[in-house]
Amino acid sequence: MEKKIAIIGAGALGGHVGAYLTRDGRDVTLIDPWPEHVEHMRTHGLTLEGQTEAECFNTQVNAMHITELQCVANGRPFDFAFVAMKSYDTVWATEMIRQYLAPDGFCVSLQNGINEERMAGVIGWGKTIGCIASTIAVELTKPGHIRRNVKLGGERHTIFRLGEVHGRVTARAREIADMLACVDSSKATDNLWGERWSKLVVNCMRNPVAAATGRGGNANDRDDHTRFLAIRLAGEAIEVGMAHGFQLENVYGIAPEDLLAATIGDAAALKRCEEKLFENMKHRSDKQRPSMGQDIAKGRRTEIDFINGLVVEKAKEMGLSVPTNEGIVEAVKTVERGDAPPSPDRVANI
């Protein structure tokens, strides 16, 4: 029998994945808190826009508002659920869907940040799987419309990495990885925590800089100050991750050792980092804005406490100093509170 899948949070990432899975013939229900978005999906379907013609399509989807989820109790439960909400919504979203899962059902964290522990606190470690979505750059531009601003990863870069918290590759992890292959390149990993921290480093260097400056990724990489700021943010986060014993993967295609060395004056390492950043610019649109930059533009709460704020928290546990991450947290919060507008001036002294 076809697996019955829920996606809690049909925003940019959840909606993007849900549209592809639906088109691939999967039994998917998209559950979202934004009424206009849900109604548009019901009436007009979900429209995806990408960098190639094959990525641009519209598909009818099964969408419901979170207030309607209780109706599921009258039917077959979900075999598993992707949780694609903001980090600060993880606990309540997991608790909400927990009641509508099959006895052997489980949840998959399809989110930024490291939310598996929060999820496991609700549903248990055995029912928790992590899914990293690396370099996908999607944006919900209006109800029922999602735009992807980077090229497909394909053989060049693996987008989805499914991992169990215990580190062993299981049949269910492989099964979900195979499902996600209809969206983009996908694999099951035996290094969930290393993959998670590596993605966190990417988020640390991309998201807050966009949020504080009000600029997209390419604009910030063209600027000498914000480009090196991103490298310093990454270097600090890498030091903390290594101190905690994580087996780090390449970060944005850059060796973690190079990012760390670049922050302490290694000119050759800095050159390699910058060359890779410039190369990455070729694979994304100038319209691309990291998700935290999108949040600021839309007046929404950011995930700064769960990204750079987590680095600061974990650094304290190891007695490490991360002044650049501390500085960017305050810069983003200044903008988020409305004390100052987003501008390159917000990060000039970090």
Protein backbone atom coordinates (compact mmCIF):
# COMPACT_ATOMS: atom_id res chain seq x y z
CA MET A 1 0.00 0.00 0.00
CA GLU A 2 1.24 3.48 -0.88
CA LYS A 3 2.65 5.34 2.13
CA LYS A 4 0.42 8.13 3.40
CA ILE A 5 2.57 11.22 3.94
CA ALA A 6 1.90 14.47 5.79
CA ILE A 7 3.89 17.65 5.32
CA ILE A 8 3.44 20.05 8.23
CA GLY A 9 4.33 23.45 6.80
CA ALA A 10 3.67 23.87 3.08
CA GLY A 11 5.82 26.98 2.79
CA ALA A 12 8.85 27.31 0.56
CA LEU A 13 10.58 24.02 1.35
CA GLY A 14 7.62 21.89 2.43
CA GLY A 15 5.53 23.07 -0.50
CA HIS A 16 8.37 22.54 -2.97
CA VAL A 17 8.92 18.98 -1.81
CA GLY A 18 5.18 18.30 -1.57
CA ALA A 19 4.52 19.43 -5.13
CA TYR A 20 7.18 17.11 -6.55
CA LEU A 21 6.08 14.13 -4.44
CA THR A 22 2.45 14.69 -5.46
CA ARG A 23 3.38 14.90 -9.13
CA ASP A 24 5.36 11.67 -8.65
CA GLY A 25 2.15 9.92 -7.58
CA ARG A 26 2.69 9.88 -3.80
CA ASP A 27 -0.18 10.17 -1.31
CA VAL A 28 0.69 13.54 0.20
CA THR A 29 -1.30 15.93 2.38
CA LEU A 30 0.02 19.48 2.74
CA ILE A 31 -0.97 21.05 6.08
CA ASP A 32 -0.34 24.75 6.59
CA PRO A 33 -1.42 27.61 8.91
CA TRP A 34 -1.78 30.31 6.21
CA PRO A 35 -5.43 30.31 5.03
CA GLU A 36 -4.86 32.23 1.78
CA HIS A 37 -2.08 29.84 0.79
CA VAL A 38 -4.19 26.77 1.54
CA GLU A 39 -7.19 28.12 -0.39
CA HIS A 40 -5.05 29.03 -3.38
CA MET A 41 -3.53 25.54 -3.46
CA ARG A 42 -6.99 23.99 -3.32
CA THR A 43 -8.41 26.15 -6.07
CA HIS A 44 -5.46 26.68 -8.40
CA GLY A 45 -2.89 24.08 -7.36
CA LEU A 46 0.71 24.76 -6.42
CA THR A 47 2.95 26.52 -8.95
CA LEU A 48 6.70 25.99 -8.94
CA GLU A 49 9.22 28.15 -10.77
CA GLY A 50 12.86 27.18 -11.21
CA GLN A 51 15.97 27.90 -13.23
CA THR A 52 15.05 25.53 -16.07
CA GLU A 53 11.85 24.88 -18.00
CA ALA A 54 11.47 21.38 -16.50
CA GLU A 55 11.27 22.90 -13.00
CA CYS A 56 8.39 25.21 -13.90
CA PHE A 57 5.04 23.49 -13.46
CA ASN A 58 1.67 23.57 -11.71
CA THR A 59 0.19 20.59 -9.92
CA GLN A 60 -3.02 20.01 -7.98
CA VAL A 61 -2.27 19.09 -4.37
CA ASN A 62 -4.22 17.86 -1.36
CA ALA A 63 -4.01 20.83 1.04
CA MET A 64 -5.66 21.53 4.37
CA HIS A 65 -5.52 24.13 7.10
CA ILE A 66 -4.15 23.03 10.46
CA THR A 67 -7.60 23.54 11.99
CA GLU A 68 -8.93 20.80 9.71
CA LEU A 69 -6.39 18.17 10.71
CA GLN A 70 -8.75 16.66 13.27
CA CYS A 71 -10.80 15.30 10.36
CA VAL A 72 -7.99 12.83 9.66
CA ALA A 73 -8.96 10.93 12.83
CA ASN A 74 -11.87 9.44 10.84
CA GLY A 75 -9.59 7.87 8.24
CA ARG A 76 -6.30 6.11 7.73
CA PRO A 77 -3.43 7.60 9.77
CA PHE A 78 -0.22 8.95 8.26
CA ASP A 79 2.74 6.60 7.89
CA PHE A 80 5.16 9.46 8.43
CA ALA A 81 5.27 13.24 8.44
CA PHE A 82 7.78 15.80 7.27
CA VAL A 83 7.92 18.71 9.71
CA ALA A 84 8.90 21.73 7.62
CA MET A 85 8.07 24.51 10.08
CA LYS A 86 10.37 27.14 11.56
CA SER A 87 12.59 25.87 14.37
CA TYR A 88 10.58 27.73 17.02
CA ASP A 89 7.44 25.87 15.87
CA THR A 90 8.95 22.38 16.05
CA VAL A 91 7.51 21.26 19.39
CA TRP A 92 3.87 22.18 18.83
CA ALA A 93 3.90 21.02 15.21
CA THR A 94 5.31 17.61 16.21
CA GLU A 95 2.79 17.29 19.04
CA MET A 96 -0.03 18.18 16.65
CA ILE A 97 0.83 15.56 14.03
CA ARG A 98 1.84 12.89 16.57
CA GLN A 99 -1.81 12.10 17.26
CA TYR A 100 -2.48 11.32 13.58
CA LEU A 101 0.41 8.94 12.93
CA ALA A 102 0.19 5.17 12.56
CA PRO A 103 1.50 3.17 15.55
CA ASP A 104 4.87 2.72 13.81
CA GLY A 105 4.75 6.22 12.27
CA PHE A 106 7.54 8.75 12.63
CA CYS A 107 8.53 12.34 11.89
CA VAL A 108 11.24 13.73 9.62
CA SER A 109 12.76 17.11 10.45
CA LEU A 110 12.92 18.93 7.09
CA GLN A 111 14.12 22.21 8.61
CA ASN A 112 16.99 24.59 9.11
CA GLY A 113 18.70 24.42 12.47
CA ILE A 114 19.12 21.31 14.61
CA ASN A 115 15.67 20.31 15.83
CA GLU A 116 15.89 16.55 16.24
CA GLU A 117 16.23 16.76 20.02
CA ARG A 118 13.15 18.98 20.29
CA MET A 119 11.25 16.60 18.04
CA ALA A 120 12.39 13.54 20.00
CA GLY A 121 11.23 15.22 23.21
CA VAL A 122 7.70 14.93 21.84
CA ILE A 123 7.69 11.73 19.80
CA GLY A 124 10.76 9.80 21.01
CA TRP A 125 14.20 9.22 19.49
CA GLY A 126 13.09 6.08 17.68
CA LYS A 127 10.45 8.03 15.77
CA THR A 128 12.78 10.90 14.79
CA ILE A 129 14.71 11.21 11.51
CA GLY A 130 16.68 14.17 10.20
CA CYS A 131 16.65 15.47 6.64
CA ILE A 132 19.11 18.14 5.54
CA ALA A 133 18.12 20.17 2.49
CA SER A 134 21.41 21.67 1.33
CA THR A 135 21.65 24.61 -1.09
CA ILE A 136 18.07 24.56 -2.35
CA ALA A 137 17.18 28.28 -1.99
CA VAL A 138 13.40 28.23 -2.32
CA GLU A 139 11.02 31.10 -1.57
CA LEU A 140 7.25 31.30 -1.16
CA THR A 141 6.70 34.48 -3.15
CA LYS A 142 2.89 34.59 -2.82
CA PRO A 143 0.07 32.16 -2.02
CA GLY A 144 0.44 29.03 -4.11
CA HIS A 145 3.70 30.09 -5.78
CA ILE A 146 7.21 28.87 -4.90
CA ARG A 147 10.40 29.93 -6.65
CA ARG A 148 13.72 28.11 -6.56
CA ASN A 149 16.66 30.44 -7.07
CA VAL A 150 19.53 27.97 -7.54
CA LYS A 151 20.19 25.37 -10.17
CA LEU A 152 19.43 21.70 -9.52
CA GLY A 153 22.13 19.94 -7.56
CA GLY A 154 22.10 16.75 -9.61
CA GLU A 155 25.46 14.99 -9.74
CA ARG A 156 27.26 18.23 -8.84
CA HIS A 157 25.83 18.53 -5.33
CA THR A 158 23.62 16.27 -3.20
CA ILE A 159 20.63 18.28 -1.98
CA PHE A 160 18.82 15.92 0.43
CA ARG A 161 20.58 13.86 3.11
CA LEU A 162 18.45 11.53 5.26
CA GLY A 163 19.91 10.38 8.55
CA GLU A 164 19.01 8.42 11.67
CA VAL A 165 20.00 9.88 15.03
CA HIS A 166 21.94 6.70 15.92
CA GLY A 167 24.09 6.94 12.77
CA ARG A 168 23.14 3.67 11.08
CA VAL A 169 21.62 3.71 7.61
CA THR A 170 18.18 2.07 7.79
CA ALA A 171 15.61 0.88 5.29
CA ARG A 172 13.26 3.75 6.14
CA ALA A 173 16.00 6.34 5.59
CA ARG A 174 16.82 4.80 2.21
CA GLU A 175 13.13 4.67 1.31
CA ILE A 176 12.62 8.38 1.97
CA ALA A 177 15.86 9.25 0.17
CA ASP A 178 14.57 7.31 -2.84
CA MET A 179 11.26 9.22 -2.68
CA LEU A 180 13.03 12.58 -2.61
CA ALA A 181 15.10 11.70 -5.67
CA CYS A 182 12.14 12.92 -7.76
CA VAL A 183 12.85 16.42 -6.38
CA ASP A 184 16.64 16.45 -6.67
CA SER A 185 19.71 14.42 -5.73
CA SER A 186 19.28 12.53 -2.46
CA LYS A 187 21.07 10.02 -0.24
CA ALA A 188 20.89 8.29 3.12
CA THR A 189 23.77 9.31 5.40
CA ASP A 190 25.46 7.71 8.40
CA ASN A 191 26.63 11.13 9.57
CA LEU A 192 23.45 13.01 10.48
CA TRP A 193 25.04 15.18 13.17
CA GLY A 194 28.06 16.09 11.06
CA GLU A 195 25.80 16.87 8.11
CA ARG A 196 23.49 18.88 10.37
CA TRP A 197 26.30 20.99 11.82
CA SER A 198 27.81 21.53 8.38
CA LYS A 199 24.46 22.82 7.11
CA LEU A 200 24.19 24.97 10.24
CA VAL A 201 27.53 26.55 9.30
CA VAL A 202 26.12 27.39 5.86
CA ASN A 203 23.06 28.95 7.47
CA CYS A 204 25.30 30.90 9.87
CA MET A 205 27.29 32.46 7.06
CA ARG A 206 24.42 33.14 4.64
CA ASN A 207 21.19 33.83 6.54
CA PRO A 208 22.02 36.52 9.10
CA VAL A 209 24.10 38.59 6.70
CA ALA A 210 21.14 38.77 4.32
CA ALA A 211 18.78 39.58 7.19
CA ALA A 212 20.93 42.38 8.60
CA THR A 213 21.93 43.96 5.28
CA GLY A 214 18.68 43.52 3.35
CA ARG A 215 20.66 42.18 0.39
CA GLY A 216 20.66 38.87 -1.48
CA GLY A 217 23.39 36.29 -1.41
CA ASN A 218 25.17 37.39 -4.57
CA ALA A 219 25.25 41.06 -3.54
CA ASN A 220 26.78 40.17 -0.19
CA ASP A 221 29.40 37.93 -1.79
CA ARG A 222 30.45 40.72 -4.15
CA ASP A 223 31.13 43.02 -1.17
CA ASP A 224 34.59 42.52 0.37
CA HIS A 225 33.41 43.18 3.93
CA THR A 226 30.30 40.99 3.95
CA ARG A 227 32.11 38.22 2.05
CA PHE A 228 34.81 38.02 4.73
CA LEU A 229 32.18 38.43 7.45
CA ALA A 230 30.50 35.27 6.17
CA ILE A 231 33.83 33.44 6.23
CA ARG A 232 34.48 34.55 9.82
CA LEU A 233 31.01 33.45 10.92
CA ALA A 234 31.65 30.06 9.33
CA GLY A 235 35.12 29.74 10.86
CA GLU A 236 33.81 30.28 14.38
CA ALA A 237 30.94 27.81 13.87
CA ILE A 238 33.36 25.22 12.50
CA GLU A 239 35.64 25.59 15.51
CA VAL A 240 32.67 24.99 17.82
CA GLY A 241 31.47 21.99 15.81
CA MET A 242 34.92 20.41 15.85
CA ALA A 243 35.20 21.01 19.60
CA HIS A 244 31.96 19.06 20.05
CA GLY A 245 33.38 16.20 17.99
CA PHE A 246 31.23 16.47 14.87
CA GLN A 247 32.58 14.97 11.67
CA LEU A 248 32.11 17.98 9.41
CA GLU A 249 31.43 17.81 5.69
CA ASN A 250 32.39 20.46 3.14
CA VAL A 251 30.60 23.74 3.80
CA TYR A 252 29.13 25.33 0.69
CA GLY A 253 31.65 23.26 -1.23
CA ILE A 254 34.54 24.56 0.89
CA ALA A 255 36.76 22.41 3.11
CA PRO A 256 36.01 23.32 6.75
CA GLU A 257 39.74 23.50 7.43
CA ASP A 258 40.08 26.24 4.80
CA LEU A 259 37.31 28.33 6.36
CA LEU A 260 38.92 27.96 9.77
CA ALA A 261 42.39 28.82 8.46
CA ALA A 262 41.11 31.80 6.46
CA THR A 263 39.85 33.45 9.65
CA ILE A 264 43.31 33.37 11.25
CA GLY A 265 45.25 34.93 8.39
CA ASP A 266 46.03 32.09 5.98
CA ALA A 267 46.03 33.98 2.67
CA ALA A 268 46.06 30.84 0.50
CA ALA A 269 43.08 29.39 2.38
CA LEU A 270 41.21 32.69 2.09
CA LYS A 271 41.80 32.72 -1.66
CA ARG A 272 40.39 29.20 -2.00
CA CYS A 273 37.33 30.16 0.05
CA GLU A 274 36.66 33.27 -2.01
CA GLU A 275 37.14 31.46 -5.30
CA LYS A 276 34.51 28.91 -4.27
CA LEU A 277 32.10 31.66 -3.16
CA PHE A 278 32.49 33.35 -6.54
CA GLU A 279 31.96 30.01 -8.31
CA ASN A 280 28.79 29.38 -6.30
CA MET A 281 27.38 32.71 -7.49
CA LYS A 282 27.13 31.26 -11.00
CA HIS A 283 24.59 28.68 -9.83
CA ARG A 284 22.03 31.03 -8.29
CA SER A 285 19.93 33.97 -9.35
CA ASP A 286 20.54 37.51 -8.13
CA LYS A 287 16.96 37.28 -6.81
CA GLN A 288 18.05 34.66 -4.27
CA ARG A 289 17.63 35.68 -0.63
CA PRO A 290 18.41 33.29 2.20
CA SER A 291 15.34 32.43 4.28
CA MET A 292 16.20 34.77 7.14
CA GLY A 293 16.43 37.64 4.68
CA GLN A 294 12.98 36.62 3.42
CA ASP A 295 11.68 36.65 7.01
CA ILE A 296 12.89 40.20 7.61
CA ALA A 297 11.42 41.40 4.30
CA LYS A 298 8.05 39.87 5.24
CA GLY A 299 8.08 41.14 8.83
CA ARG A 300 8.26 37.66 10.33
CA ARG A 301 10.17 36.29 13.30
CA THR A 302 13.62 34.99 12.34
CA GLU A 303 15.40 31.81 13.41
CA ILE A 304 18.51 33.69 14.57
CA ASP A 305 18.36 32.14 18.08
CA PHE A 306 18.33 28.67 16.53
CA ILE A 307 21.17 29.25 14.06
CA ASN A 308 23.91 31.70 15.11
CA GLY A 309 22.39 31.77 18.58
CA LEU A 310 22.93 28.01 18.81
CA VAL A 311 26.60 28.48 17.91
CA VAL A 312 26.93 31.01 20.72
CA GLU A 313 25.23 28.61 23.15
CA LYS A 314 27.36 25.62 22.14
CA ALA A 315 30.53 27.73 22.24
CA LYS A 316 29.89 28.60 25.88
CA GLU A 317 29.60 24.90 26.70
CA MET A 318 33.19 24.44 25.45
CA GLY A 319 34.59 27.69 26.82
CA LEU A 320 35.09 29.14 23.33
CA SER A 321 34.71 32.75 22.19
CA VAL A 322 32.62 33.51 19.09
CA PRO A 323 32.44 37.33 18.93
CA THR A 324 31.46 37.46 15.25
CA ASN A 325 28.43 35.24 15.79
CA GLU A 326 27.50 37.19 18.91
CA GLY A 327 27.73 40.41 16.90
CA ILE A 328 25.56 39.17 14.05
CA VAL A 329 22.91 37.91 16.48
CA GLU A 330 22.58 41.39 17.93
CA ALA A 331 22.59 43.00 14.47
CA VAL A 332 19.73 40.80 13.28
CA LYS A 333 17.75 41.35 16.47
CA THR A 334 18.20 45.11 16.09
CA VAL A 335 16.56 44.90 12.66
CA GLU A 336 13.95 42.37 13.80
CA ARG A 337 12.87 44.63 16.67
CA GLY A 338 12.50 47.53 14.28
CA ASP A 339 15.21 49.57 16.00
CA ALA A 340 17.00 50.07 12.67
CA PRO A 341 16.35 49.15 9.03
CA PRO A 342 18.32 46.40 7.29
CA SER A 343 21.42 47.91 5.73
CA PRO A 344 25.10 47.09 5.17
CA ASP A 345 25.69 49.62 7.97
CA ARG A 346 24.25 47.09 10.45
CA VAL A 347 27.29 44.84 9.97
CA ALA A 348 29.97 47.45 9.28
CA ASN A 349 31.56 47.06 12.71
CA ILE A 350 31.30 43.31 13.13
